[in-house]
Amino acid sequence: MYVKKLPEQPEYYGVTTTMNVLKGKWKPCLLESIHAGIRRPSELLRSIPEATLRVLNLQLKELEELNIVYKKIYPQVPPKVEYYLTEWGERLIPVITQMEQWGMDYSKQEVAHCEVKTS
């Protein structure tokens, strides 16, 4: 995995770091799903039908490397794998929730703004 070096901008460093961790089309959805109790790769894929298994696996691997999720492999046949949030992953949930709320509020404002312009 290529890790981009962050520029030294103390006033934006925290935001930049957070955005780099969440960068990826399905990472916030994966984290919310795992937080909600959806743990197995096949269940995660069903919870995000627009995503491919390959992309989900890549993003789960990145989140694991960043210590946001951990992967538990059960010693059984057939193999069983589950994902759990680490403490850092749990701390991201309120951030994602706030981002989601902001996005919904902003979208409503944008729709209202467009309706006024076209009228």
PDB file of N, CA and C in Angstrom:
ATOM      1  N   MET A   1       0.852  -1.174   0.000  1.00  0.00           N
ATOM      2  CA  MET A   1       0.000   0.000   0.000  1.00  0.00           C
ATOM      3  C   MET A   1       0.894   1.232   0.000  1.00  0.00           C
ATOM      4  N   TYR A   2       0.621   2.152  -0.886  1.00  0.00           N
ATOM      5  CA  TYR A   2       1.355   3.407  -0.967  1.00  0.00           C
ATOM      6  C   TYR A   2       0.809   4.359   0.080  1.00  0.00           C
ATOM      7  N   VAL A   3       1.693   4.881   0.904  1.00  0.00           N
ATOM      8  CA  VAL A   3       1.281   5.835   1.930  1.00  0.00           C
ATOM      9  C   VAL A   3       1.882   7.183   1.581  1.00  0.00           C
ATOM     10  N   LYS A   4       1.018   8.140   1.315  1.00  0.00           N
ATOM     11  CA  LYS A   4       1.453   9.478   0.946  1.00  0.00           C
ATOM     12  C   LYS A   4       1.937  10.216   2.183  1.00  0.00           C
ATOM     13  N   LYS A   5       3.096  10.847   2.074  1.00  0.00           N
ATOM     14  CA  LYS A   5       3.623  11.624   3.190  1.00  0.00           C
ATOM     15  C   LYS A   5       2.778  12.887   3.348  1.00  0.00           C
ATOM     16  N   LEU A   6       2.373  13.140   4.578  1.00  0.00           N
ATOM     17  CA  LEU A   6       1.531  14.303   4.847  1.00  0.00           C
ATOM     18  C   LEU A   6       2.368  15.569   4.908  1.00  0.00           C
ATOM     19  N   PRO A   7       1.859  16.653   4.323  1.00  0.00           N
ATOM     20  CA  PRO A   7       2.585  17.918   4.408  1.00  0.00           C
ATOM     21  C   PRO A   7       2.572  18.435   5.840  1.00  0.00           C
ATOM     22  N   GLU A   8       3.598  19.189   6.174  1.00  0.00           N
ATOM     23  CA  GLU A   8       3.674  19.743   7.525  1.00  0.00           C
ATOM     24  C   GLU A   8       2.843  21.011   7.592  1.00  0.00           C
ATOM     25  N   GLN A   9       1.579  20.862   7.958  1.00  0.00           N
ATOM     26  CA  GLN A   9       0.656  21.974   8.140  1.00  0.00           C
ATOM     27  C   GLN A   9      -0.067  21.739   9.453  1.00  0.00           C
ATOM     28  N   PRO A  10       0.514  22.185  10.558  1.00  0.00           N
ATOM     29  CA  PRO A  10      -0.072  21.873  11.865  1.00  0.00           C
ATOM     30  C   PRO A  10      -1.546  22.233  11.993  1.00  0.00           C
ATOM     31  N   GLU A  11      -1.986  23.311  11.371  1.00  0.00           N
ATOM     32  CA  GLU A  11      -3.384  23.709  11.529  1.00  0.00           C
ATOM     33  C   GLU A  11      -4.346  22.760  10.819  1.00  0.00           C
ATOM     34  N   TYR A  12      -3.888  22.007   9.843  1.00  0.00           N
ATOM     35  CA  TYR A  12      -4.748  21.080   9.110  1.00  0.00           C
ATOM     36  C   TYR A  12      -4.344  19.621   9.305  1.00  0.00           C
ATOM     37  N   TYR A  13      -3.311  19.373  10.072  1.00  0.00           N
ATOM     38  CA  TYR A  13      -2.751  18.031  10.173  1.00  0.00           C
ATOM     39  C   TYR A  13      -3.780  17.000  10.629  1.00  0.00           C
ATOM     40  N   GLY A  14      -4.567  17.326  11.652  1.00  0.00           N
ATOM     41  CA  GLY A  14      -5.569  16.382  12.153  1.00  0.00           C
ATOM     42  C   GLY A  14      -6.630  16.061  11.123  1.00  0.00           C
ATOM     43  N   VAL A  15      -7.108  17.079  10.427  1.00  0.00           N
ATOM     44  CA  VAL A  15      -8.130  16.874   9.391  1.00  0.00           C
ATOM     45  C   VAL A  15      -7.546  16.049   8.249  1.00  0.00           C
ATOM     46  N   THR A  16      -6.333  16.375   7.840  1.00  0.00           N
ATOM     47  CA  THR A  16      -5.684  15.648   6.749  1.00  0.00           C
ATOM     48  C   THR A  16      -5.483  14.184   7.121  1.00  0.00           C
ATOM     49  N   THR A  17      -5.038  13.940   8.333  1.00  0.00           N
ATOM     50  CA  THR A  17      -4.836  12.565   8.790  1.00  0.00           C
ATOM     51  C   THR A  17      -6.156  11.802   8.783  1.00  0.00           C
ATOM     52  N   THR A  18      -7.204  12.414   9.309  1.00  0.00           N
ATOM     53  CA  THR A  18      -8.522  11.770   9.346  1.00  0.00           C
ATOM     54  C   THR A  18      -9.012  11.460   7.937  1.00  0.00           C
ATOM     55  N   MET A  19      -8.874  12.416   7.032  1.00  0.00           N
ATOM     56  CA  MET A  19      -9.327  12.203   5.656  1.00  0.00           C
ATOM     57  C   MET A  19      -8.518  11.101   4.975  1.00  0.00           C
ATOM     58  N   ASN A  20      -7.225  11.023   5.265  1.00  0.00           N
ATOM     59  CA  ASN A  20      -6.406   9.961   4.679  1.00  0.00           C
ATOM     60  C   ASN A  20      -6.824   8.585   5.192  1.00  0.00           C
ATOM     61  N   VAL A  21      -7.201   8.491   6.455  1.00  0.00           N
ATOM     62  CA  VAL A  21      -7.665   7.214   7.005  1.00  0.00           C
ATOM     63  C   VAL A  21      -8.992   6.820   6.363  1.00  0.00           C
ATOM     64  N   LEU A  22      -9.891   7.771   6.176  1.00  0.00           N
ATOM     65  CA  LEU A  22     -11.223   7.481   5.633  1.00  0.00           C
ATOM     66  C   LEU A  22     -11.263   7.461   4.108  1.00  0.00           C
ATOM     67  N   LYS A  23     -10.150   7.829   3.480  1.00  0.00           N
ATOM     68  CA  LYS A  23     -10.115   7.886   2.014  1.00  0.00           C
ATOM     69  C   LYS A  23     -10.369   6.495   1.431  1.00  0.00           C
ATOM     70  N   GLY A  24     -11.311   6.434   0.558  1.00  0.00           N
ATOM     71  CA  GLY A  24     -11.715   5.174  -0.047  1.00  0.00           C
ATOM     72  C   GLY A  24     -13.229   5.158  -0.094  1.00  0.00           C
ATOM     73  N   LYS A  25     -13.761   4.740  -1.205  1.00  0.00           N
ATOM     74  CA  LYS A  25     -15.199   4.866  -1.435  1.00  0.00           C
ATOM     75  C   LYS A  25     -16.053   4.188  -0.362  1.00  0.00           C
ATOM     76  N   TRP A  26     -15.609   3.051   0.170  1.00  0.00           N
ATOM     77  CA  TRP A  26     -16.469   2.271   1.058  1.00  0.00           C
ATOM     78  C   TRP A  26     -16.000   2.225   2.506  1.00  0.00           C
ATOM     79  N   LYS A  27     -14.898   2.864   2.851  1.00  0.00           N
ATOM     80  CA  LYS A  27     -14.385   2.761   4.223  1.00  0.00           C
ATOM     81  C   LYS A  27     -15.376   3.247   5.278  1.00  0.00           C
ATOM     82  N   PRO A  28     -15.983   4.422   5.126  1.00  0.00           N
ATOM     83  CA  PRO A  28     -16.960   4.830   6.146  1.00  0.00           C
ATOM     84  C   PRO A  28     -18.129   3.846   6.263  1.00  0.00           C
ATOM     85  N   CYS A  29     -18.602   3.323   5.132  1.00  0.00           N
ATOM     86  CA  CYS A  29     -19.696   2.339   5.156  1.00  0.00           C
ATOM     87  C   CYS A  29     -19.258   1.056   5.850  1.00  0.00           C
ATOM     88  N   LEU A  30     -18.041   0.613   5.572  1.00  0.00           N
ATOM     89  CA  LEU A  30     -17.521  -0.584   6.230  1.00  0.00           C
ATOM     90  C   LEU A  30     -17.456  -0.392   7.738  1.00  0.00           C
ATOM     91  N   LEU A  31     -16.936   0.750   8.155  1.00  0.00           N
ATOM     92  CA  LEU A  31     -16.804   1.010   9.588  1.00  0.00           C
ATOM     93  C   LEU A  31     -18.167   1.068  10.270  1.00  0.00           C
ATOM     94  N   GLU A  32     -19.124   1.726   9.643  1.00  0.00           N
ATOM     95  CA  GLU A  32     -20.475   1.779  10.216  1.00  0.00           C
ATOM     96  C   GLU A  32     -21.104   0.391  10.276  1.00  0.00           C
ATOM     97  N   SER A  33     -20.890  -0.420   9.249  1.00  0.00           N
ATOM     98  CA  SER A  33     -21.448  -1.776   9.229  1.00  0.00           C
ATOM     99  C   SER A  33     -20.827  -2.645  10.318  1.00  0.00           C
ATOM    100  N   ILE A  34     -19.517  -2.571  10.465  1.00  0.00           N
ATOM    101  CA  ILE A  34     -18.839  -3.350  11.508  1.00  0.00           C
ATOM    102  C   ILE A  34     -19.316  -2.891  12.880  1.00  0.00           C
ATOM    103  N   HIS A  35     -19.448  -1.596  13.046  1.00  0.00           N
ATOM    104  CA  HIS A  35     -19.939  -1.050  14.313  1.00  0.00           C
ATOM    105  C   HIS A  35     -21.353  -1.560  14.621  1.00  0.00           C
ATOM    106  N   ALA A  36     -22.159  -1.744  13.588  1.00  0.00           N
ATOM    107  CA  ALA A  36     -23.540  -2.214  13.752  1.00  0.00           C
ATOM    108  C   ALA A  36     -23.622  -3.726  13.971  1.00  0.00           C
ATOM    109  N   GLY A  37     -22.480  -4.413  13.929  1.00  0.00           N
ATOM    110  CA  GLY A  37     -22.475  -5.847  14.199  1.00  0.00           C
ATOM    111  C   GLY A  37     -22.338  -6.731  12.982  1.00  0.00           C
ATOM    112  N   ILE A  38     -22.176  -6.139  11.809  1.00  0.00           N
ATOM    113  CA  ILE A  38     -21.953  -6.922  10.586  1.00  0.00           C
ATOM    114  C   ILE A  38     -20.454  -7.168  10.517  1.00  0.00           C
ATOM    115  N   ARG A  39     -20.031  -8.413  10.686  1.00  0.00           N
ATOM    116  CA  ARG A  39     -18.614  -8.700  10.898  1.00  0.00           C
ATOM    117  C   ARG A  39     -17.947  -9.550   9.811  1.00  0.00           C
ATOM    118  N   ARG A  40     -18.706 -10.419   9.163  1.00  0.00           N
ATOM    119  CA  ARG A  40     -18.095 -11.353   8.215  1.00  0.00           C
ATOM    120  C   ARG A  40     -18.028 -10.726   6.829  1.00  0.00           C
ATOM    121  N   PRO A  41     -16.984 -11.054   6.055  1.00  0.00           N
ATOM    122  CA  PRO A  41     -16.830 -10.452   4.720  1.00  0.00           C
ATOM    123  C   PRO A  41     -18.058 -10.612   3.825  1.00  0.00           C
ATOM    124  N   SER A  42     -18.688 -11.780   3.844  1.00  0.00           N
ATOM    125  CA  SER A  42     -19.868 -11.976   2.986  1.00  0.00           C
ATOM    126  C   SER A  42     -21.031 -11.095   3.437  1.00  0.00           C
ATOM    127  N   GLU A  43     -21.167 -10.895   4.745  1.00  0.00           N
ATOM    128  CA  GLU A  43     -22.224 -10.018   5.264  1.00  0.00           C
ATOM    129  C   GLU A  43     -21.936  -8.564   4.910  1.00  0.00           C
ATOM    130  N   LEU A  44     -20.667  -8.180   5.000  1.00  0.00           N
ATOM    131  CA  LEU A  44     -20.285  -6.811   4.643  1.00  0.00           C
ATOM    132  C   LEU A  44     -20.578  -6.553   3.170  1.00  0.00           C
ATOM    133  N   LEU A  45     -20.291  -7.539   2.333  1.00  0.00           N
ATOM    134  CA  LEU A  45     -20.569  -7.397   0.901  1.00  0.00           C
ATOM    135  C   LEU A  45     -22.069  -7.239   0.657  1.00  0.00           C
ATOM    136  N   ARG A  46     -22.889  -8.003   1.362  1.00  0.00           N
ATOM    137  CA  ARG A  46     -24.347  -7.873   1.211  1.00  0.00           C
ATOM    138  C   ARG A  46     -24.843  -6.522   1.719  1.00  0.00           C
ATOM    139  N   SER A  47     -24.172  -5.972   2.727  1.00  0.00           N
ATOM    140  CA  SER A  47     -24.615  -4.685   3.276  1.00  0.00           C
ATOM    141  C   SER A  47     -24.251  -3.516   2.363  1.00  0.00           C
ATOM    142  N   ILE A  48     -23.298  -3.736   1.451  1.00  0.00           N
ATOM    143  CA  ILE A  48     -22.882  -2.696   0.497  1.00  0.00           C
ATOM    144  C   ILE A  48     -22.911  -3.322  -0.900  1.00  0.00           C
ATOM    145  N   PRO A  49     -24.094  -3.541  -1.476  1.00  0.00           N
ATOM    146  CA  PRO A  49     -24.197  -4.282  -2.735  1.00  0.00           C
ATOM    147  C   PRO A  49     -23.524  -3.613  -3.931  1.00  0.00           C
ATOM    148  N   GLU A  50     -23.293  -2.304  -3.851  1.00  0.00           N
ATOM    149  CA  GLU A  50     -22.653  -1.610  -4.974  1.00  0.00           C
ATOM    150  C   GLU A  50     -21.156  -1.909  -5.048  1.00  0.00           C
ATOM    151  N   ALA A  51     -20.578  -2.402  -3.976  1.00  0.00           N
ATOM    152  CA  ALA A  51     -19.135  -2.641  -3.910  1.00  0.00           C
ATOM    153  C   ALA A  51     -18.800  -4.043  -4.407  1.00  0.00           C
ATOM    154  N   THR A  52     -17.558  -4.205  -4.847  1.00  0.00           N
ATOM    155  CA  THR A  52     -17.082  -5.531  -5.232  1.00  0.00           C
ATOM    156  C   THR A  52     -16.325  -6.141  -4.059  1.00  0.00           C
ATOM    157  N   LEU A  53     -16.252  -7.460  -4.042  1.00  0.00           N
ATOM    158  CA  LEU A  53     -15.537  -8.160  -2.972  1.00  0.00           C
ATOM    159  C   LEU A  53     -14.065  -7.756  -2.954  1.00  0.00           C
ATOM    160  N   ARG A  54     -13.479  -7.611  -4.123  1.00  0.00           N
ATOM    161  CA  ARG A  54     -12.066  -7.235  -4.216  1.00  0.00           C
ATOM    162  C   ARG A  54     -11.808  -5.880  -3.560  1.00  0.00           C
ATOM    163  N   VAL A  55     -12.633  -4.893  -3.870  1.00  0.00           N
ATOM    164  CA  VAL A  55     -12.448  -3.551  -3.309  1.00  0.00           C
ATOM    165  C   VAL A  55     -12.681  -3.570  -1.804  1.00  0.00           C
ATOM    166  N   LEU A  56     -13.714  -4.276  -1.352  1.00  0.00           N
ATOM    167  CA  LEU A  56     -13.960  -4.360   0.090  1.00  0.00           C
ATOM    168  C   LEU A  56     -12.781  -5.009   0.803  1.00  0.00           C
ATOM    169  N   ASN A  57     -12.252  -6.082   0.232  1.00  0.00           N
ATOM    170  CA  ASN A  57     -11.103  -6.745   0.855  1.00  0.00           C
ATOM    171  C   ASN A  57      -9.889  -5.827   0.916  1.00  0.00           C
ATOM    172  N   LEU A  58      -9.652  -5.071  -0.153  1.00  0.00           N
ATOM    173  CA  LEU A  58      -8.527  -4.123  -0.157  1.00  0.00           C
ATOM    174  C   LEU A  58      -8.709  -3.051   0.908  1.00  0.00           C
ATOM    175  N   GLN A  59      -9.911  -2.522   1.020  1.00  0.00           N
ATOM    176  CA  GLN A  59     -10.145  -1.463   1.999  1.00  0.00           C
ATOM    177  C   GLN A  59     -10.117  -2.006   3.421  1.00  0.00           C
ATOM    178  N   LEU A  60     -10.599  -3.215   3.633  1.00  0.00           N
ATOM    179  CA  LEU A  60     -10.493  -3.839   4.954  1.00  0.00           C
ATOM    180  C   LEU A  60      -9.029  -4.058   5.327  1.00  0.00           C
ATOM    181  N   LYS A  61      -8.234  -4.476   4.352  1.00  0.00           N
ATOM    182  CA  LYS A  61      -6.802  -4.680   4.602  1.00  0.00           C
ATOM    183  C   LYS A  61      -6.133  -3.355   4.972  1.00  0.00           C
ATOM    184  N   GLU A  62      -6.466  -2.283   4.257  1.00  0.00           N
ATOM    185  CA  GLU A  62      -5.905  -0.966   4.576  1.00  0.00           C
ATOM    186  C   GLU A  62      -6.316  -0.528   5.978  1.00  0.00           C
ATOM    187  N   LEU A  63      -7.587  -0.718   6.322  1.00  0.00           N
ATOM    188  CA  LEU A  63      -8.062  -0.344   7.658  1.00  0.00           C
ATOM    189  C   LEU A  63      -7.375  -1.174   8.737  1.00  0.00           C
ATOM    190  N   GLU A  64      -7.094  -2.429   8.422  1.00  0.00           N
ATOM    191  CA  GLU A  64      -6.379  -3.290   9.370  1.00  0.00           C
ATOM    192  C   GLU A  64      -4.937  -2.801   9.550  1.00  0.00           C
ATOM    193  N   GLU A  65      -4.282  -2.447   8.451  1.00  0.00           N
ATOM    194  CA  GLU A  65      -2.904  -1.938   8.521  1.00  0.00           C
ATOM    195  C   GLU A  65      -2.826  -0.620   9.282  1.00  0.00           C
ATOM    196  N   LEU A  66      -3.894   0.166   9.244  1.00  0.00           N
ATOM    197  CA  LEU A  66      -3.938   1.450   9.947  1.00  0.00           C
ATOM    198  C   LEU A  66      -4.394   1.303  11.406  1.00  0.00           C
ATOM    199  N   ASN A  67      -4.645   0.060  11.843  1.00  0.00           N
ATOM    200  CA  ASN A  67      -5.084  -0.224  13.215  1.00  0.00           C
ATOM    201  C   ASN A  67      -6.463   0.376  13.514  1.00  0.00           C
ATOM    202  N   ILE A  68      -7.330   0.391  12.502  1.00  0.00           N
ATOM    203  CA  ILE A  68      -8.700   0.875  12.663  1.00  0.00           C
ATOM    204  C   ILE A  68      -9.637  -0.317  12.884  1.00  0.00           C
ATOM    205  N   VAL A  69      -9.345  -1.431  12.228  1.00  0.00           N
ATOM    206  CA  VAL A  69     -10.078  -2.677  12.454  1.00  0.00           C
ATOM    207  C   VAL A  69      -9.068  -3.789  12.724  1.00  0.00           C
ATOM    208  N   TYR A  70      -9.534  -4.838  13.365  1.00  0.00           N
ATOM    209  CA  TYR A  70      -8.701  -6.028  13.455  1.00  0.00           C
ATOM    210  C   TYR A  70      -9.500  -7.217  12.953  1.00  0.00           C
ATOM    211  N   LYS A  71      -8.753  -8.144  12.413  1.00  0.00           N
ATOM    212  CA  LYS A  71      -9.335  -9.312  11.769  1.00  0.00           C
ATOM    213  C   LYS A  71      -9.126 -10.511  12.694  1.00  0.00           C
ATOM    214  N   LYS A  72     -10.220 -11.164  13.034  1.00  0.00           N
ATOM    215  CA  LYS A  72     -10.134 -12.357  13.871  1.00  0.00           C
ATOM    216  C   LYS A  72     -10.382 -13.567  12.987  1.00  0.00           C
ATOM    217  N   ILE A  73      -9.406 -14.471  12.963  1.00  0.00           N
ATOM    218  CA  ILE A  73      -9.513 -15.693  12.167  1.00  0.00           C
ATOM    219  C   ILE A  73      -9.731 -16.852  13.133  1.00  0.00           C
ATOM    220  N   TYR A  74     -10.836 -17.539  12.966  1.00  0.00           N
ATOM    221  CA  TYR A  74     -11.159 -18.669  13.832  1.00  0.00           C
ATOM    222  C   TYR A  74     -10.524 -19.939  13.268  1.00  0.00           C
ATOM    223  N   PRO A  75      -9.884 -20.747  14.124  1.00  0.00           N
ATOM    224  CA  PRO A  75      -9.230 -21.981  13.658  1.00  0.00           C
ATOM    225  C   PRO A  75     -10.253 -23.106  13.459  1.00  0.00           C
ATOM    226  N   GLN A  76     -10.945 -23.056  12.354  1.00  0.00           N
ATOM    227  CA  GLN A  76     -11.954 -24.075  12.065  1.00  0.00           C
ATOM    228  C   GLN A  76     -12.039 -24.290  10.566  1.00  0.00           C
ATOM    229  N   VAL A  77     -12.715 -25.357  10.193  1.00  0.00           N
ATOM    230  CA  VAL A  77     -12.949 -25.662   8.788  1.00  0.00           C
ATOM    231  C   VAL A  77     -14.454 -25.709   8.590  1.00  0.00           C
ATOM    232  N   PRO A  78     -15.011 -24.976   7.645  1.00  0.00           N
ATOM    233  CA  PRO A  78     -14.361 -23.985   6.786  1.00  0.00           C
ATOM    234  C   PRO A  78     -13.908 -22.771   7.593  1.00  0.00           C
ATOM    235  N   PRO A  79     -12.932 -22.031   7.058  1.00  0.00           N
ATOM    236  CA  PRO A  79     -12.400 -20.873   7.788  1.00  0.00           C
ATOM    237  C   PRO A  79     -13.485 -19.834   8.067  1.00  0.00           C
ATOM    238  N   LYS A  80     -13.363 -19.202   9.208  1.00  0.00           N
ATOM    239  CA  LYS A  80     -14.299 -18.144   9.582  1.00  0.00           C
ATOM    240  C   LYS A  80     -13.480 -16.912   9.946  1.00  0.00           C
ATOM    241  N   VAL A  81     -13.841 -15.777   9.332  1.00  0.00           N
ATOM    242  CA  VAL A  81     -13.144 -14.512   9.575  1.00  0.00           C
ATOM    243  C   VAL A  81     -14.175 -13.481   9.994  1.00  0.00           C
ATOM    244  N   GLU A  82     -13.830 -12.693  11.001  1.00  0.00           N
ATOM    245  CA  GLU A  82     -14.684 -11.587  11.425  1.00  0.00           C
ATOM    246  C   GLU A  82     -13.823 -10.356  11.649  1.00  0.00           C
ATOM    247  N   TYR A  83     -14.430  -9.200  11.409  1.00  0.00           N
ATOM    248  CA  TYR A  83     -13.748  -7.928  11.621  1.00  0.00           C
ATOM    249  C   TYR A  83     -14.383  -7.198  12.794  1.00  0.00           C
ATOM    250  N   TYR A  84     -13.534  -6.547  13.573  1.00  0.00           N
ATOM    251  CA  TYR A  84     -13.968  -5.763  14.728  1.00  0.00           C
ATOM    252  C   TYR A  84     -13.268  -4.413  14.693  1.00  0.00           C
ATOM    253  N   LEU A  85     -13.901  -3.412  15.269  1.00  0.00           N
ATOM    254  CA  LEU A  85     -13.272  -2.100  15.375  1.00  0.00           C
ATOM    255  C   LEU A  85     -12.284  -2.103  16.535  1.00  0.00           C
ATOM    256  N   THR A  86     -11.147  -1.469  16.321  1.00  0.00           N
ATOM    257  CA  THR A  86     -10.210  -1.232  17.410  1.00  0.00           C
ATOM    258  C   THR A  86     -10.698   0.004  18.165  1.00  0.00           C
ATOM    259  N   GLU A  87      -9.968   0.389  19.186  1.00  0.00           N
ATOM    260  CA  GLU A  87     -10.323   1.621  19.907  1.00  0.00           C
ATOM    261  C   GLU A  87     -10.311   2.812  18.950  1.00  0.00           C
ATOM    262  N   TRP A  88      -9.321   2.848  18.053  1.00  0.00           N
ATOM    263  CA  TRP A  88      -9.250   3.945  17.076  1.00  0.00           C
ATOM    264  C   TRP A  88     -10.432   3.902  16.122  1.00  0.00           C
ATOM    265  N   GLY A  89     -10.861   2.711  15.747  1.00  0.00           N
ATOM    266  CA  GLY A  89     -12.039   2.581  14.892  1.00  0.00           C
ATOM    267  C   GLY A  89     -13.299   3.057  15.587  1.00  0.00           C
ATOM    268  N   GLU A  90     -13.443   2.695  16.864  1.00  0.00           N
ATOM    269  CA  GLU A  90     -14.606   3.153  17.640  1.00  0.00           C
ATOM    270  C   GLU A  90     -14.628   4.675  17.729  1.00  0.00           C
ATOM    271  N   ARG A  91     -13.460   5.275  17.862  1.00  0.00           N
ATOM    272  CA  ARG A  91     -13.389   6.733  17.974  1.00  0.00           C
ATOM    273  C   ARG A  91     -13.748   7.428  16.664  1.00  0.00           C
ATOM    274  N   LEU A  92     -13.675   6.716  15.555  1.00  0.00           N
ATOM    275  CA  LEU A  92     -14.045   7.296  14.257  1.00  0.00           C
ATOM    276  C   LEU A  92     -15.558   7.332  14.035  1.00  0.00           C
ATOM    277  N   ILE A  93     -16.314   6.496  14.717  1.00  0.00           N
ATOM    278  CA  ILE A  93     -17.762   6.406  14.476  1.00  0.00           C
ATOM    279  C   ILE A  93     -18.462   7.745  14.677  1.00  0.00           C
ATOM    280  N   PRO A  94     -18.216   8.478  15.770  1.00  0.00           N
ATOM    281  CA  PRO A  94     -18.877   9.789  15.903  1.00  0.00           C
ATOM    282  C   PRO A  94     -18.462  10.771  14.800  1.00  0.00           C
ATOM    283  N   VAL A  95     -17.225  10.652  14.331  1.00  0.00           N
ATOM    284  CA  VAL A  95     -16.748  11.520  13.245  1.00  0.00           C
ATOM    285  C   VAL A  95     -17.535  11.219  11.974  1.00  0.00           C
ATOM    286  N   ILE A  96     -17.684   9.933  11.658  1.00  0.00           N
ATOM    287  CA  ILE A  96     -18.431   9.528  10.462  1.00  0.00           C
ATOM    288  C   ILE A  96     -19.893   9.946  10.583  1.00  0.00           C
ATOM    289  N   THR A  97     -20.466   9.780  11.762  1.00  0.00           N
ATOM    290  CA  THR A  97     -21.860  10.176  11.992  1.00  0.00           C
ATOM    291  C   THR A  97     -22.038  11.671  11.768  1.00  0.00           C
ATOM    292  N   GLN A  98     -21.117  12.473  12.273  1.00  0.00           N
ATOM    293  CA  GLN A  98     -21.183  13.922  12.073  1.00  0.00           C
ATOM    294  C   GLN A  98     -21.010  14.284  10.597  1.00  0.00           C
ATOM    295  N   MET A  99     -20.090  13.601   9.914  1.00  0.00           N
ATOM    296  CA  MET A  99     -19.893  13.859   8.483  1.00  0.00           C
ATOM    297  C   MET A  99     -21.154  13.514   7.695  1.00  0.00           C
ATOM    298  N   GLU A 100     -21.783  12.403   8.057  1.00  0.00           N
ATOM    299  CA  GLU A 100     -23.014  12.002   7.376  1.00  0.00           C
ATOM    300  C   GLU A 100     -24.114  13.037   7.594  1.00  0.00           C
ATOM    301  N   GLN A 101     -24.267  13.498   8.818  1.00  0.00           N
ATOM    302  CA  GLN A 101     -25.284  14.503   9.126  1.00  0.00           C
ATOM    303  C   GLN A 101     -25.001  15.807   8.385  1.00  0.00           C
ATOM    304  N   TRP A 102     -23.742  16.215   8.373  1.00  0.00           N
ATOM    305  CA  TRP A 102     -23.363  17.441   7.670  1.00  0.00           C
ATOM    306  C   TRP A 102     -23.696  17.304   6.183  1.00  0.00           C
ATOM    307  N   GLY A 103     -23.355  16.157   5.605  1.00  0.00           N
ATOM    308  CA  GLY A 103     -23.630  15.932   4.188  1.00  0.00           C
ATOM    309  C   GLY A 103     -25.111  15.970   3.863  1.00  0.00           C
ATOM    310  N   MET A 104     -25.920  15.386   4.738  1.00  0.00           N
ATOM    311  CA  MET A 104     -27.371  15.413   4.514  1.00  0.00           C
ATOM    312  C   MET A 104     -27.908  16.837   4.633  1.00  0.00           C
ATOM    313  N   ASP A 105     -27.458  17.570   5.645  1.00  0.00           N
ATOM    314  CA  ASP A 105     -27.891  18.962   5.813  1.00  0.00           C
ATOM    315  C   ASP A 105     -27.463  19.808   4.620  1.00  0.00           C
ATOM    316  N   TYR A 106     -26.229  19.624   4.181  1.00  0.00           N
ATOM    317  CA  TYR A 106     -25.704  20.395   3.061  1.00  0.00           C
ATOM    318  C   TYR A 106     -26.465  20.069   1.775  1.00  0.00           C
ATOM    319  N   SER A 107     -26.761  18.786   1.567  1.00  0.00           N
ATOM    320  CA  SER A 107     -27.509  18.384   0.369  1.00  0.00           C
ATOM    321  C   SER A 107     -28.880  19.037   0.333  1.00  0.00           C
ATOM    322  N   LYS A 108     -29.552  19.087   1.473  1.00  0.00           N
ATOM    323  CA  LYS A 108     -30.869  19.738   1.534  1.00  0.00           C
ATOM    324  C   LYS A 108     -30.742  21.217   1.204  1.00  0.00           C
ATOM    325  N   GLN A 109     -29.721  21.851   1.740  1.00  0.00           N
ATOM    326  CA  GLN A 109     -29.493  23.272   1.481  1.00  0.00           C
ATOM    327  C   GLN A 109     -29.185  23.493   0.003  1.00  0.00           C
ATOM    328  N   GLU A 110     -28.394  22.601  -0.587  1.00  0.00           N
ATOM    329  CA  GLU A 110     -28.059  22.723  -2.005  1.00  0.00           C
ATOM    330  C   GLU A 110     -29.295  22.545  -2.875  1.00  0.00           C
ATOM    331  N   VAL A 111     -30.148  21.585  -2.543  1.00  0.00           N
ATOM    332  CA  VAL A 111     -31.385  21.367  -3.302  1.00  0.00           C
ATOM    333  C   VAL A 111     -32.263  22.604  -3.195  1.00  0.00           C
ATOM    334  N   ALA A 112     -32.404  23.131  -1.996  1.00  0.00           N
ATOM    335  CA  ALA A 112     -33.218  24.340  -1.799  1.00  0.00           C
ATOM    336  C   ALA A 112     -32.628  25.505  -2.583  1.00  0.00           C
ATOM    337  N   HIS A 113     -31.306  25.629  -2.584  1.00  0.00           N
ATOM    338  CA  HIS A 113     -30.629  26.707  -3.302  1.00  0.00           C
ATOM    339  C   HIS A 113     -30.872  26.578  -4.811  1.00  0.00           C
ATOM    340  N   CYS A 114     -30.802  25.354  -5.331  1.00  0.00           N
ATOM    341  CA  CYS A 114     -31.033  25.132  -6.761  1.00  0.00           C
ATOM    342  C   CYS A 114     -32.478  25.427  -7.141  1.00  0.00           C
ATOM    343  N   GLU A 115     -33.418  25.077  -6.278  1.00  0.00           N
ATOM    344  CA  GLU A 115     -34.829  25.344  -6.567  1.00  0.00           C
ATOM    345  C   GLU A 115     -35.095  26.839  -6.629  1.00  0.00           C
ATOM    346  N   VAL A 116     -34.446  27.602  -5.781  1.00  0.00           N
ATOM    347  CA  VAL A 116     -34.619  29.055  -5.785  1.00  0.00           C
ATOM    348  C   VAL A 116     -34.031  29.630  -7.066  1.00  0.00           C
ATOM    349  N   LYS A 117     -32.862  29.150  -7.485  1.00  0.00           N
ATOM    350  CA  LYS A 117     -32.208  29.650  -8.691  1.00  0.00           C
ATOM    351  C   LYS A 117     -33.036  29.390  -9.942  1.00  0.00           C
ATOM    352  N   THR A 118     -33.642  28.204 -10.026  1.00  0.00           N
ATOM    353  CA  THR A 118     -34.368  27.846 -11.238  1.00  0.00           C
ATOM    354  C   THR A 118     -35.763  28.446 -11.291  1.00  0.00           C
ATOM    355  N   SER A 119     -36.258  28.931 -10.186  1.00  0.00           N
ATOM    356  CA  SER A 119     -37.617  29.493 -10.152  1.00  0.00           C
ATOM    357  C   SER A 119     -37.655  30.872 -10.744  1.00  0.00           C
TER     358      SER A 119
END
